[in-house]
PDB file of all heavy atoms in Angstrom:
ATOM      1  N   CYS A   1     -34.554-116.685-103.296  1.00  0.00           N
ATOM      2  CA  CYS A   1     -34.486-117.773-104.277  1.00  0.00           C
ATOM      3  C   CYS A   1     -33.353-118.721-103.907  1.00  0.00           C
ATOM      4  O   CYS A   1     -32.312-118.292-103.404  1.00  0.00           O
ATOM      5  CB  CYS A   1     -34.233-117.235-105.691  1.00  0.00           C
ATOM      6  SG  CYS A   1     -35.547-116.183-106.342  1.00  0.00           S
ATOM      7  N   LYS A   2     -33.579-120.001-104.171  1.00  0.00           N
ATOM      8  CA  LYS A   2     -32.540-120.998-103.942  1.00  0.00           C
ATOM      9  C   LYS A   2     -32.787-122.187-104.862  1.00  0.00           C
ATOM     10  O   LYS A   2     -33.853-122.297-105.503  1.00  0.00           O
ATOM     11  CB  LYS A   2     -32.537-121.450-102.487  1.00  0.00           C
ATOM     12  CG  LYS A   2     -33.804-122.172-102.042  1.00  0.00           C
ATOM     13  CD  LYS A   2     -33.717-122.592-100.583  1.00  0.00           C
ATOM     14  CE  LYS A   2     -34.972-123.352-100.160  1.00  0.00           C
ATOM     15  NZ  LYS A   2     -34.881-123.782 -98.725  1.00  0.00           N
ATOM     16  N   VAL A   3     -31.807-123.072-104.944  1.00  0.00           N
ATOM     17  CA  VAL A   3     -31.976-124.298-105.717  1.00  0.00           C
ATOM     18  C   VAL A   3     -33.031-125.156-105.032  1.00  0.00           C
ATOM     19  O   VAL A   3     -32.953-125.433-103.831  1.00  0.00           O
ATOM     20  CB  VAL A   3     -30.648-125.067-105.834  1.00  0.00           C
ATOM     21  CG1 VAL A   3     -30.870-126.419-106.497  1.00  0.00           C
ATOM     22  CG2 VAL A   3     -29.634-124.250-106.634  1.00  0.00           C
ATOM     23  N   GLN A   4     -34.045-125.546-105.785  1.00  0.00           N
ATOM     24  CA  GLN A   4     -35.152-126.286-105.188  1.00  0.00           C
ATOM     25  C   GLN A   4     -34.771-127.717-104.835  1.00  0.00           C
ATOM     26  O   GLN A   4     -35.182-128.253-103.809  1.00  0.00           O
ATOM     27  CB  GLN A   4     -36.346-126.277-106.164  1.00  0.00           C
ATOM     28  CG  GLN A   4     -37.638-126.784-105.553  1.00  0.00           C
ATOM     29  CD  GLN A   4     -37.964-128.202-105.976  1.00  0.00           C
ATOM     30  OE1 GLN A   4     -37.452-128.690-106.983  1.00  0.00           O
ATOM     31  NE2 GLN A   4     -38.822-128.878-105.220  1.00  0.00           N
ATOM     32  N   LYS A   5     -33.946-128.333-105.670  1.00  0.00           N
ATOM     33  CA  LYS A   5     -33.499-129.700-105.405  1.00  0.00           C
ATOM     34  C   LYS A   5     -32.206-129.923-106.182  1.00  0.00           C
ATOM     35  O   LYS A   5     -32.136-129.623-107.370  1.00  0.00           O
ATOM     36  CB  LYS A   5     -34.550-130.720-105.844  1.00  0.00           C
ATOM     37  CG  LYS A   5     -34.205-132.167-105.525  1.00  0.00           C
ATOM     38  CD  LYS A   5     -35.259-133.112-106.078  1.00  0.00           C
ATOM     39  CE  LYS A   5     -36.595-132.924-105.372  1.00  0.00           C
ATOM     40  NZ  LYS A   5     -37.603-133.926-105.842  1.00  0.00           N
ATOM     41  N   GLY A   6     -31.195-130.428-105.501  1.00  0.00           N
ATOM     42  CA  GLY A   6     -29.936-130.687-106.182  1.00  0.00           C
ATOM     43  C   GLY A   6     -28.786-129.921-105.577  1.00  0.00           C
ATOM     44  O   GLY A   6     -28.792-129.571-104.391  1.00  0.00           O
ATOM     45  N   ASN A   7     -27.801-129.628-106.395  1.00  0.00           N
ATOM     46  CA  ASN A   7     -26.572-128.984-105.961  1.00  0.00           C
ATOM     47  C   ASN A   7     -26.788-127.483-105.752  1.00  0.00           C
ATOM     48  O   ASN A   7     -27.014-126.743-106.706  1.00  0.00           O
ATOM     49  CB  ASN A   7     -25.466-129.218-106.999  1.00  0.00           C
ATOM     50  CG  ASN A   7     -24.098-128.831-106.478  1.00  0.00           C
ATOM     51  OD1 ASN A   7     -23.967-127.987-105.608  1.00  0.00           O
ATOM     52  ND2 ASN A   7     -23.071-129.447-107.032  1.00  0.00           N
ATOM     53  N   GLU A   8     -26.718-127.029-104.507  1.00  0.00           N
ATOM     54  CA  GLU A   8     -26.980-125.624-104.200  1.00  0.00           C
ATOM     55  C   GLU A   8     -25.959-124.690-104.840  1.00  0.00           C
ATOM     56  O   GLU A   8     -26.245-123.511-105.074  1.00  0.00           O
ATOM     57  CB  GLU A   8     -27.001-125.418-102.685  1.00  0.00           C
ATOM     58  CG  GLU A   8     -28.174-126.125-101.991  1.00  0.00           C
ATOM     59  CD  GLU A   8     -28.206-125.846-100.502  1.00  0.00           C
ATOM     60  OE1 GLU A   8     -27.341-125.067-100.028  1.00  0.00           O
ATOM     61  OE2 GLU A   8     -29.091-126.383 -99.815  1.00  0.00           O
ATOM     62  N   SER A   9     -24.760-125.205-105.138  1.00  0.00           N
ATOM     63  CA  SER A   9     -23.722-124.361-105.738  1.00  0.00           C
ATOM     64  C   SER A   9     -24.018-124.011-107.191  1.00  0.00           C
ATOM     65  O   SER A   9     -23.325-123.178-107.778  1.00  0.00           O
ATOM     66  CB  SER A   9     -22.355-125.065-105.646  1.00  0.00           C
ATOM     67  OG  SER A   9     -22.319-126.213-106.471  1.00  0.00           O
ATOM     68  N   HIS A  10     -25.054-124.619-107.777  1.00  0.00           N
ATOM     69  CA  HIS A  10     -25.424-124.294-109.156  1.00  0.00           C
ATOM     70  C   HIS A  10     -26.081-122.911-109.255  1.00  0.00           C
ATOM     71  O   HIS A  10     -26.200-122.370-110.351  1.00  0.00           O
ATOM     72  CB  HIS A  10     -26.364-125.360-109.718  1.00  0.00           C
ATOM     73  CG  HIS A  10     -25.655-126.624-110.066  1.00  0.00           C
ATOM     74  ND1 HIS A  10     -26.311-127.760-110.527  1.00  0.00           N
ATOM     75  CD2 HIS A  10     -24.340-126.960-110.036  1.00  0.00           C
ATOM     76  CE1 HIS A  10     -25.440-128.720-110.769  1.00  0.00           C
ATOM     77  NE2 HIS A  10     -24.242-128.254-110.471  1.00  0.00           N
ATOM     78  N   LEU A  11     -26.494-122.365-108.126  1.00  0.00           N
ATOM     79  CA  LEU A  11     -27.025-120.998-108.096  1.00  0.00           C
ATOM     80  C   LEU A  11     -26.144-120.193-107.141  1.00  0.00           C
ATOM     81  O   LEU A  11     -26.290-120.272-105.925  1.00  0.00           O
ATOM     82  CB  LEU A  11     -28.481-120.981-107.621  1.00  0.00           C
ATOM     83  CG  LEU A  11     -29.150-119.604-107.514  1.00  0.00           C
ATOM     84  CD1 LEU A  11     -29.165-118.898-108.854  1.00  0.00           C
ATOM     85  CD2 LEU A  11     -30.557-119.734-106.960  1.00  0.00           C
ATOM     86  N   ARG A  12     -25.242-119.431-107.701  1.00  0.00           N
ATOM     87  CA  ARG A  12     -24.226-118.767-106.891  1.00  0.00           C
ATOM     88  C   ARG A  12     -24.532-117.306-106.599  1.00  0.00           C
ATOM     89  O   ARG A  12     -24.004-116.731-105.655  1.00  0.00           O
ATOM     90  CB  ARG A  12     -22.857-118.888-107.580  1.00  0.00           C
ATOM     91  CG  ARG A  12     -22.318-120.319-107.586  1.00  0.00           C
ATOM     92  CD  ARG A  12     -20.986-120.410-108.299  1.00  0.00           C
ATOM     93  NE  ARG A  12     -21.134-120.293-109.745  1.00  0.00           N
ATOM     94  CZ  ARG A  12     -21.312-121.334-110.557  1.00  0.00           C
ATOM     95  NH1 ARG A  12     -21.382-122.566-110.065  1.00  0.00           N
ATOM     96  NH2 ARG A  12     -21.428-121.154-111.864  1.00  0.00           N
ATOM     97  N   SER A  13     -25.383-116.690-107.415  1.00  0.00           N
ATOM     98  CA  SER A  13     -25.639-115.267-107.194  1.00  0.00           C
ATOM     99  C   SER A  13     -26.970-114.847-107.824  1.00  0.00           C
ATOM    100  O   SER A  13     -27.246-115.186-108.981  1.00  0.00           O
ATOM    101  CB  SER A  13     -24.489-114.428-107.776  1.00  0.00           C
ATOM    102  OG  SER A  13     -24.737-113.052-107.608  1.00  0.00           O
ATOM    103  N   VAL A  14     -27.765-114.122-107.046  1.00  0.00           N
ATOM    104  CA  VAL A  14     -29.017-113.528-107.526  1.00  0.00           C
ATOM    105  C   VAL A  14     -29.110-112.104-106.988  1.00  0.00           C
ATOM    106  O   VAL A  14     -28.934-111.886-105.790  1.00  0.00           O
ATOM    107  CB  VAL A  14     -30.265-114.317-107.070  1.00  0.00           C
ATOM    108  CG1 VAL A  14     -31.509-113.764-107.761  1.00  0.00           C
ATOM    109  CG2 VAL A  14     -30.117-115.794-107.324  1.00  0.00           C
ATOM    110  N   ASP A  15     -29.380-111.152-107.866  1.00  0.00           N
ATOM    111  CA  ASP A  15     -29.631-109.779-107.442  1.00  0.00           C
ATOM    112  C   ASP A  15     -31.127-109.503-107.531  1.00  0.00           C
ATOM    113  O   ASP A  15     -31.806-109.984-108.453  1.00  0.00           O
ATOM    114  CB  ASP A  15     -28.872-108.784-108.329  1.00  0.00           C
ATOM    115  CG  ASP A  15     -27.365-108.913-108.177  1.00  0.00           C
ATOM    116  OD1 ASP A  15     -26.906-109.300-107.087  1.00  0.00           O
ATOM    117  OD2 ASP A  15     -26.653-108.640-109.165  1.00  0.00           O
ATOM    118  N   PHE A  16     -31.626-108.729-106.579  1.00  0.00           N
ATOM    119  CA  PHE A  16     -33.059-108.426-106.524  1.00  0.00           C
ATOM    120  C   PHE A  16     -33.284-106.924-106.673  1.00  0.00           C
ATOM    121  O   PHE A  16     -32.558-106.107-106.109  1.00  0.00           O
ATOM    122  CB  PHE A  16     -33.660-108.895-105.191  1.00  0.00           C
ATOM    123  CG  PHE A  16     -33.607-110.382-104.980  1.00  0.00           C
ATOM    124  CD1 PHE A  16     -32.542-110.960-104.306  1.00  0.00           C
ATOM    125  CD2 PHE A  16     -34.617-111.205-105.444  1.00  0.00           C
ATOM    126  CE1 PHE A  16     -32.479-112.329-104.102  1.00  0.00           C
ATOM    127  CE2 PHE A  16     -34.569-112.571-105.243  1.00  0.00           C
ATOM    128  CZ  PHE A  16     -33.496-113.135-104.574  1.00  0.00           C
ATOM    129  N   TYR A  17     -34.325-106.579-107.455  1.00  0.00           N
ATOM    130  CA  TYR A  17     -34.720-105.179-107.634  1.00  0.00           C
ATOM    131  C   TYR A  17     -36.244-105.101-107.523  1.00  0.00           C
ATOM    132  O   TYR A  17     -36.924-106.048-107.888  1.00  0.00           O
ATOM    133  CB  TYR A  17     -34.294-104.668-109.026  1.00  0.00           C
ATOM    134  CG  TYR A  17     -32.832-104.855-109.341  1.00  0.00           C
ATOM    135  CD1 TYR A  17     -32.421-105.862-110.206  1.00  0.00           C
ATOM    136  CD2 TYR A  17     -31.848-104.040-108.780  1.00  0.00           C
ATOM    137  CE1 TYR A  17     -31.084-106.047-110.510  1.00  0.00           C
ATOM    138  CE2 TYR A  17     -30.509-104.218-109.074  1.00  0.00           C
ATOM    139  CZ  TYR A  17     -30.134-105.223-109.937  1.00  0.00           C
ATOM    140  OH  TYR A  17     -28.814-105.406-110.230  1.00  0.00           O
ATOM    141  N   PRO A  18     -36.803-103.955-107.066  1.00  0.00           N
ATOM    142  CA  PRO A  18     -36.079-102.793-106.549  1.00  0.00           C
ATOM    143  C   PRO A  18     -35.536-103.053-105.146  1.00  0.00           C
ATOM    144  O   PRO A  18     -36.008-103.947-104.433  1.00  0.00           O
ATOM    145  CB  PRO A  18     -37.154-101.703-106.522  1.00  0.00           C
ATOM    146  CG  PRO A  18     -38.437-102.437-106.366  1.00  0.00           C
ATOM    147  CD  PRO A  18     -38.248-103.745-107.076  1.00  0.00           C
ATOM    148  N   GLY A  19     -34.552-102.259-104.759  1.00  0.00           N
ATOM    149  CA  GLY A  19     -33.968-102.367-103.428  1.00  0.00           C
ATOM    150  C   GLY A  19     -33.447-103.754-103.147  1.00  0.00           C
ATOM    151  O   GLY A  19     -32.702-104.339-103.917  1.00  0.00           O
ATOM    152  N   ASN A  20     -33.907-104.302-102.054  1.00  0.00           N
ATOM    153  CA  ASN A  20     -33.481-105.641-101.661  1.00  0.00           C
ATOM    154  C   ASN A  20     -34.534-106.695-101.967  1.00  0.00           C
ATOM    155  O   ASN A  20     -34.574-107.746-101.340  1.00  0.00           O
ATOM    156  CB  ASN A  20     -33.138-105.662-100.162  1.00  0.00           C
ATOM    157  CG  ASN A  20     -34.293-105.159 -99.299  1.00  0.00           C
ATOM    158  OD1 ASN A  20     -35.310-104.701 -99.820  1.00  0.00           O
ATOM    159  ND2 ASN A  20     -34.148-105.248 -98.001  1.00  0.00           N
ATOM    160  N   GLY A  21     -35.393-106.405-102.954  1.00  0.00           N
ATOM    161  CA  GLY A  21     -36.380-107.395-103.381  1.00  0.00           C
ATOM    162  C   GLY A  21     -37.604-107.465-102.504  1.00  0.00           C
ATOM    163  O   GLY A  21     -37.963-108.532-101.990  1.00  0.00           O
ATOM    164  N   THR A  22     -38.272-106.334-102.312  1.00  0.00           N
ATOM    165  CA  THR A  22     -39.484-106.300-101.493  1.00  0.00           C
ATOM    166  C   THR A  22     -40.639-105.661-102.265  1.00  0.00           C
ATOM    167  O   THR A  22     -40.426-104.879-103.188  1.00  0.00           O
ATOM    168  CB  THR A  22     -39.268-105.495-100.191  1.00  0.00           C
ATOM    169  OG1 THR A  22     -38.845-104.168-100.525  1.00  0.00           O
ATOM    170  CG2 THR A  22     -38.229-106.159 -99.299  1.00  0.00           C
ATOM    171  N   PHE A  23     -41.850-106.010-101.857  1.00  0.00           N
ATOM    172  CA  PHE A  23     -43.067-105.393-102.387  1.00  0.00           C
ATOM    173  C   PHE A  23     -43.469-104.277-101.425  1.00  0.00           C
ATOM    174  O   PHE A  23     -43.938-104.550-100.313  1.00  0.00           O
ATOM    175  CB  PHE A  23     -44.188-106.429-102.507  1.00  0.00           C
ATOM    176  CG  PHE A  23     -43.946-107.473-103.556  1.00  0.00           C
ATOM    177  CD1 PHE A  23     -43.335-108.674-103.220  1.00  0.00           C
ATOM    178  CD2 PHE A  23     -44.336-107.271-104.869  1.00  0.00           C
ATOM    179  CE1 PHE A  23     -43.117-109.655-104.180  1.00  0.00           C
ATOM    180  CE2 PHE A  23     -44.126-108.239-105.835  1.00  0.00           C
ATOM    181  CZ  PHE A  23     -43.512-109.437-105.492  1.00  0.00           C
ATOM    182  N   ASP A  24     -43.269-103.038-101.836  1.00  0.00           N
ATOM    183  CA  ASP A  24     -43.536-101.912-100.943  1.00  0.00           C
ATOM    184  C   ASP A  24     -45.008-101.862-100.540  1.00  0.00           C
ATOM    185  O   ASP A  24     -45.901-102.145-101.343  1.00  0.00           O
ATOM    186  CB  ASP A  24     -43.134-100.591-101.613  1.00  0.00           C
ATOM    187  CG  ASP A  24     -42.975 -99.463-100.610  1.00  0.00           C
ATOM    188  OD1 ASP A  24     -44.005 -98.974-100.087  1.00  0.00           O
ATOM    189  OD2 ASP A  24     -41.826 -99.081-100.339  1.00  0.00           O
ATOM    190  N   LEU A  25     -45.249-101.461 -99.298  1.00  0.00           N
ATOM    191  CA  LEU A  25     -46.608-101.415 -98.765  1.00  0.00           C
ATOM    192  C   LEU A  25     -47.503-100.426 -99.499  1.00  0.00           C
ATOM    193  O   LEU A  25     -48.730-100.574 -99.501  1.00  0.00           O
ATOM    194  CB  LEU A  25     -46.569-101.041 -97.270  1.00  0.00           C
ATOM    195  CG  LEU A  25     -45.796-101.978 -96.343  1.00  0.00           C
ATOM    196  CD1 LEU A  25     -45.855-101.447 -94.912  1.00  0.00           C
ATOM    197  CD2 LEU A  25     -46.332-103.398 -96.403  1.00  0.00           C
ATOM    198  N   MET A  26     -46.913 -99.406-100.135  1.00  0.00           N
ATOM    199  CA  MET A  26     -47.739 -98.345-100.730  1.00  0.00           C
ATOM    200  C   MET A  26     -48.600 -98.843-101.889  1.00  0.00           C
ATOM    201  O   MET A  26     -49.528 -98.149-102.311  1.00  0.00           O
ATOM    202  CB  MET A  26     -46.860 -97.179-101.188  1.00  0.00           C
ATOM    203  CG  MET A  26     -45.917 -97.498-102.322  1.00  0.00           C
ATOM    204  SD  MET A  26     -44.931 -96.038-102.758  1.00  0.00           S
ATOM    205  CE  MET A  26     -43.808 -96.712-103.966  1.00  0.00           C
ATOM    206  N   TYR A  27     -48.311-100.035-102.425  1.00  0.00           N
ATOM    207  CA  TYR A  27     -49.108-100.556-103.533  1.00  0.00           C
ATOM    208  C   TYR A  27     -50.334-101.351-103.049  1.00  0.00           C
ATOM    209  O   TYR A  27     -51.046-101.951-103.860  1.00  0.00           O
ATOM    210  CB  TYR A  27     -48.241-101.434-104.426  1.00  0.00           C
ATOM    211  CG  TYR A  27     -47.077-100.676-105.028  1.00  0.00           C
ATOM    212  CD1 TYR A  27     -45.782-100.850-104.554  1.00  0.00           C
ATOM    213  CD2 TYR A  27     -47.286 -99.750-106.048  1.00  0.00           C
ATOM    214  CE1 TYR A  27     -44.721-100.130-105.087  1.00  0.00           C
ATOM    215  CE2 TYR A  27     -46.237 -99.020-106.587  1.00  0.00           C
ATOM    216  CZ  TYR A  27     -44.950 -99.217-106.103  1.00  0.00           C
ATOM    217  OH  TYR A  27     -43.901 -98.502-106.627  1.00  0.00           O
ATOM    218  N   TYR A  28     -50.581-101.321-101.764  1.00  0.00           N
ATOM    219  CA  TYR A  28     -51.686-102.079-101.186  1.00  0.00           C
ATOM    220  C   TYR A  28     -52.485-101.183-100.254  1.00  0.00           C
ATOM    221  O   TYR A  28     -51.944-100.237 -99.683  1.00  0.00           O
ATOM    222  CB  TYR A  28     -51.137-103.295-100.412  1.00  0.00           C
ATOM    223  CG  TYR A  28     -50.259-104.170-101.263  1.00  0.00           C
ATOM    224  CD1 TYR A  28     -48.866-104.041-101.222  1.00  0.00           C
ATOM    225  CD2 TYR A  28     -50.815-105.095-102.148  1.00  0.00           C
ATOM    226  CE1 TYR A  28     -48.057-104.822-102.023  1.00  0.00           C
ATOM    227  CE2 TYR A  28     -50.006-105.878-102.955  1.00  0.00           C
ATOM    228  CZ  TYR A  28     -48.629-105.743-102.889  1.00  0.00           C
ATOM    229  OH  TYR A  28     -47.832-106.509-103.689  1.00  0.00           O
ATOM    230  N   PRO A  29     -53.790-101.461-100.089  1.00  0.00           N
ATOM    231  CA  PRO A  29     -54.532-102.573-100.700  1.00  0.00           C
ATOM    232  C   PRO A  29     -54.966-102.281-102.141  1.00  0.00           C
ATOM    233  O   PRO A  29     -54.971-101.133-102.570  1.00  0.00           O
ATOM    234  CB  PRO A  29     -55.760-102.688 -99.798  1.00  0.00           C
ATOM    235  CG  PRO A  29     -55.980-101.290 -99.299  1.00  0.00           C
ATOM    236  CD  PRO A  29     -54.609-100.693 -99.133  1.00  0.00           C
ATOM    237  N   TYR A  30     -55.317-103.343-102.819  1.00  0.00           N
ATOM    238  CA  TYR A  30     -55.882-103.266-104.170  1.00  0.00           C
ATOM    239  C   TYR A  30     -57.397-103.209-104.042  1.00  0.00           C
ATOM    240  O   TYR A  30     -57.986-103.971-103.267  1.00  0.00           O
ATOM    241  CB  TYR A  30     -55.438-104.486-104.965  1.00  0.00           C
ATOM    242  CG  TYR A  30     -56.124-104.687-106.291  1.00  0.00           C
ATOM    243  CD1 TYR A  30     -56.058-103.729-107.295  1.00  0.00           C
ATOM    244  CD2 TYR A  30     -56.830-105.856-106.553  1.00  0.00           C
ATOM    245  CE1 TYR A  30     -56.684-103.920-108.510  1.00  0.00           C
ATOM    246  CE2 TYR A  30     -57.450-106.067-107.774  1.00  0.00           C
ATOM    247  CZ  TYR A  30     -57.380-105.097-108.746  1.00  0.00           C
ATOM    248  OH  TYR A  30     -58.000-105.296-109.950  1.00  0.00           O
ATOM    249  N   TYR A  31     -58.033-102.321-104.818  1.00  0.00           N
ATOM    250  CA  TYR A  31     -59.463-102.089-104.655  1.00  0.00           C
ATOM    251  C   TYR A  31     -60.336-102.707-105.746  1.00  0.00           C
ATOM    252  O   TYR A  31     -61.544-102.512-105.745  1.00  0.00           O
ATOM    253  CB  TYR A  31     -59.741-100.588-104.566  1.00  0.00           C
ATOM    254  CG  TYR A  31     -59.299 -99.980-103.253  1.00  0.00           C
ATOM    255  CD1 TYR A  31     -58.044 -99.404-103.122  1.00  0.00           C
ATOM    256  CD2 TYR A  31     -60.131-100.004-102.138  1.00  0.00           C
ATOM    257  CE1 TYR A  31     -57.621 -98.858-101.912  1.00  0.00           C
ATOM    258  CE2 TYR A  31     -59.725 -99.461-100.927  1.00  0.00           C
ATOM    259  CZ  TYR A  31     -58.474 -98.902-100.822  1.00  0.00           C
ATOM    260  OH  TYR A  31     -58.066 -98.365 -99.614  1.00  0.00           O
ATOM    261  N   GLY A  32     -59.746-103.434-106.677  1.00  0.00           N
ATOM    262  CA  GLY A  32     -60.551-104.083-107.708  1.00  0.00           C
ATOM    263  C   GLY A  32     -60.509-103.350-109.036  1.00  0.00           C
ATOM    264  O   GLY A  32     -60.277-102.137-109.099  1.00  0.00           O
ATOM    265  N   LYS A  33     -60.757-104.092-110.114  1.00  0.00           N
ATOM    266  CA  LYS A  33     -60.584-103.547-111.461  1.00  0.00           C
ATOM    267  C   LYS A  33     -61.586-102.460-111.820  1.00  0.00           C
ATOM    268  O   LYS A  33     -61.325-101.647-112.707  1.00  0.00           O
ATOM    269  CB  LYS A  33     -60.664-104.676-112.489  1.00  0.00           C
ATOM    270  CG  LYS A  33     -62.002-105.388-112.550  1.00  0.00           C
ATOM    271  CD  LYS A  33     -61.972-106.508-113.593  1.00  0.00           C
ATOM    272  CE  LYS A  33     -63.308-107.222-113.694  1.00  0.00           C
ATOM    273  NZ  LYS A  33     -63.282-108.308-114.696  1.00  0.00           N
ATOM    274  N   PHE A  34     -62.744-102.416-111.162  1.00  0.00           N
ATOM    275  CA  PHE A  34     -63.755-101.414-111.519  1.00  0.00           C
ATOM    276  C   PHE A  34     -63.379-100.018-111.025  1.00  0.00           C
ATOM    277  O   PHE A  34     -63.693 -99.019-111.676  1.00  0.00           O
ATOM    278  CB  PHE A  34     -65.123-101.801-110.959  1.00  0.00           C
ATOM    279  CG  PHE A  34     -65.749-102.983-111.653  1.00  0.00           C
ATOM    280  CD1 PHE A  34     -65.918-104.184-110.996  1.00  0.00           C
ATOM    281  CD2 PHE A  34     -66.151-102.893-112.979  1.00  0.00           C
ATOM    282  CE1 PHE A  34     -66.481-105.274-111.632  1.00  0.00           C
ATOM    283  CE2 PHE A  34     -66.708-103.975-113.632  1.00  0.00           C
ATOM    284  CZ  PHE A  34     -66.875-105.175-112.949  1.00  0.00           C
ATOM    285  N   THR A  35     -62.716 -99.937-109.878  1.00  0.00           N
ATOM    286  CA  THR A  35     -62.373 -98.625-109.324  1.00  0.00           C
ATOM    287  C   THR A  35     -60.870 -98.335-109.353  1.00  0.00           C
ATOM    288  O   THR A  35     -60.469 -97.183-109.436  1.00  0.00           O
ATOM    289  CB  THR A  35     -62.873 -98.497-107.874  1.00  0.00           C
ATOM    290  OG1 THR A  35     -62.344 -99.575-107.091  1.00  0.00           O
ATOM    291  CG2 THR A  35     -64.384 -98.534-107.826  1.00  0.00           C
ATOM    292  N   HIS A  36     -60.047 -99.364-109.302  1.00  0.00           N
ATOM    293  CA  HIS A  36     -58.598 -99.179-109.336  1.00  0.00           C
ATOM    294  C   HIS A  36     -58.125 -99.378-110.773  1.00  0.00           C
ATOM    295  O   HIS A  36     -57.296-100.247-111.064  1.00  0.00           O
ATOM    296  CB  HIS A  36     -57.932-100.185-108.394  1.00  0.00           C
ATOM    297  CG  HIS A  36     -56.888 -99.571-107.518  1.00  0.00           C
ATOM    298  ND1 HIS A  36     -56.486-100.130-106.325  1.00  0.00           N
ATOM    299  CD2 HIS A  36     -56.153 -98.433-107.644  1.00  0.00           C
ATOM    300  CE1 HIS A  36     -55.556 -99.381-105.768  1.00  0.00           C
ATOM    301  NE2 HIS A  36     -55.339 -98.350-106.550  1.00  0.00           N
ATOM    302  N   VAL A  37     -58.615 -98.539-111.663  1.00  0.00           N
ATOM    303  CA  VAL A  37     -58.516 -98.801-113.099  1.00  0.00           C
ATOM    304  C   VAL A  37     -57.086 -98.734-113.634  1.00  0.00           C
ATOM    305  O   VAL A  37     -56.741 -99.427-114.585  1.00  0.00           O
ATOM    306  CB  VAL A  37     -59.426 -97.837-113.890  1.00  0.00           C
ATOM    307  CG1 VAL A  37     -60.886 -98.146-113.635  1.00  0.00           C
ATOM    308  CG2 VAL A  37     -59.131 -96.377-113.531  1.00  0.00           C
ATOM    309  N   ASN A  38     -56.239 -97.886-113.076  1.00  0.00           N
ATOM    310  CA  ASN A  38     -54.875 -97.747-113.586  1.00  0.00           C
ATOM    311  C   ASN A  38     -53.847 -98.516-112.760  1.00  0.00           C
ATOM    312  O   ASN A  38     -52.641 -98.329-112.931  1.00  0.00           O
ATOM    313  CB  ASN A  38     -54.476 -96.264-113.629  1.00  0.00           C
ATOM    314  CG  ASN A  38     -55.246 -95.499-114.680  1.00  0.00           C
ATOM    315  OD1 ASN A  38     -55.547 -96.028-115.746  1.00  0.00           O
ATOM    316  ND2 ASN A  38     -55.595 -94.255-114.390  1.00  0.00           N
ATOM    317  N   TYR A  39     -54.329 -99.368-111.881  1.00  0.00           N
ATOM    318  CA  TYR A  39     -53.427-100.100-110.986  1.00  0.00           C
ATOM    319  C   TYR A  39     -52.496-101.018-111.778  1.00  0.00           C
ATOM    320  O   TYR A  39     -52.937-101.779-112.638  1.00  0.00           O
ATOM    321  CB  TYR A  39     -54.252-100.935-110.009  1.00  0.00           C
ATOM    322  CG  TYR A  39     -53.436-101.684-108.979  1.00  0.00           C
ATOM    323  CD1 TYR A  39     -53.006-101.050-107.819  1.00  0.00           C
ATOM    324  CD2 TYR A  39     -53.096-103.024-109.164  1.00  0.00           C
ATOM    325  CE1 TYR A  39     -52.270-101.732-106.861  1.00  0.00           C
ATOM    326  CE2 TYR A  39     -52.360-103.709-108.213  1.00  0.00           C
ATOM    327  CZ  TYR A  39     -51.950-103.054-107.071  1.00  0.00           C
ATOM    328  OH  TYR A  39     -51.219-103.736-106.122  1.00  0.00           O
ATOM    329  N   THR A  40     -51.206-100.911-111.505  1.00  0.00           N
ATOM    330  CA  THR A  40     -50.225-101.828-112.074  1.00  0.00           C
ATOM    331  C   THR A  40     -49.529-102.535-110.918  1.00  0.00           C
ATOM    332  O   THR A  40     -48.992-101.875-110.013  1.00  0.00           O
ATOM    333  CB  THR A  40     -49.188-101.089-112.946  1.00  0.00           C
ATOM    334  OG1 THR A  40     -48.834 -99.850-112.325  1.00  0.00           O
ATOM    335  CG2 THR A  40     -49.739-100.799-114.324  1.00  0.00           C
ATOM    336  N   SER A  41     -49.564-103.842-110.948  1.00  0.00           N
ATOM    337  CA  SER A  41     -49.024-104.627-109.842  1.00  0.00           C
ATOM    338  C   SER A  41     -47.538-104.365-109.658  1.00  0.00           C
ATOM    339  O   SER A  41     -46.784-104.309-110.638  1.00  0.00           O
ATOM    340  CB  SER A  41     -49.237-106.121-110.113  1.00  0.00           C
ATOM    341  OG  SER A  41     -50.601-106.433-110.182  1.00  0.00           O
TER     342      SER A  41
END
């Protein structure tokens, strides 16, 4: 994340969770709502 337009110093700190802010591979692939019924993104 960063300031989209303007003074970059207006955003000085962002923490990301979980870990370092990644989407773990184990949640993919998604198989569709009919068969992947309990899937939570």
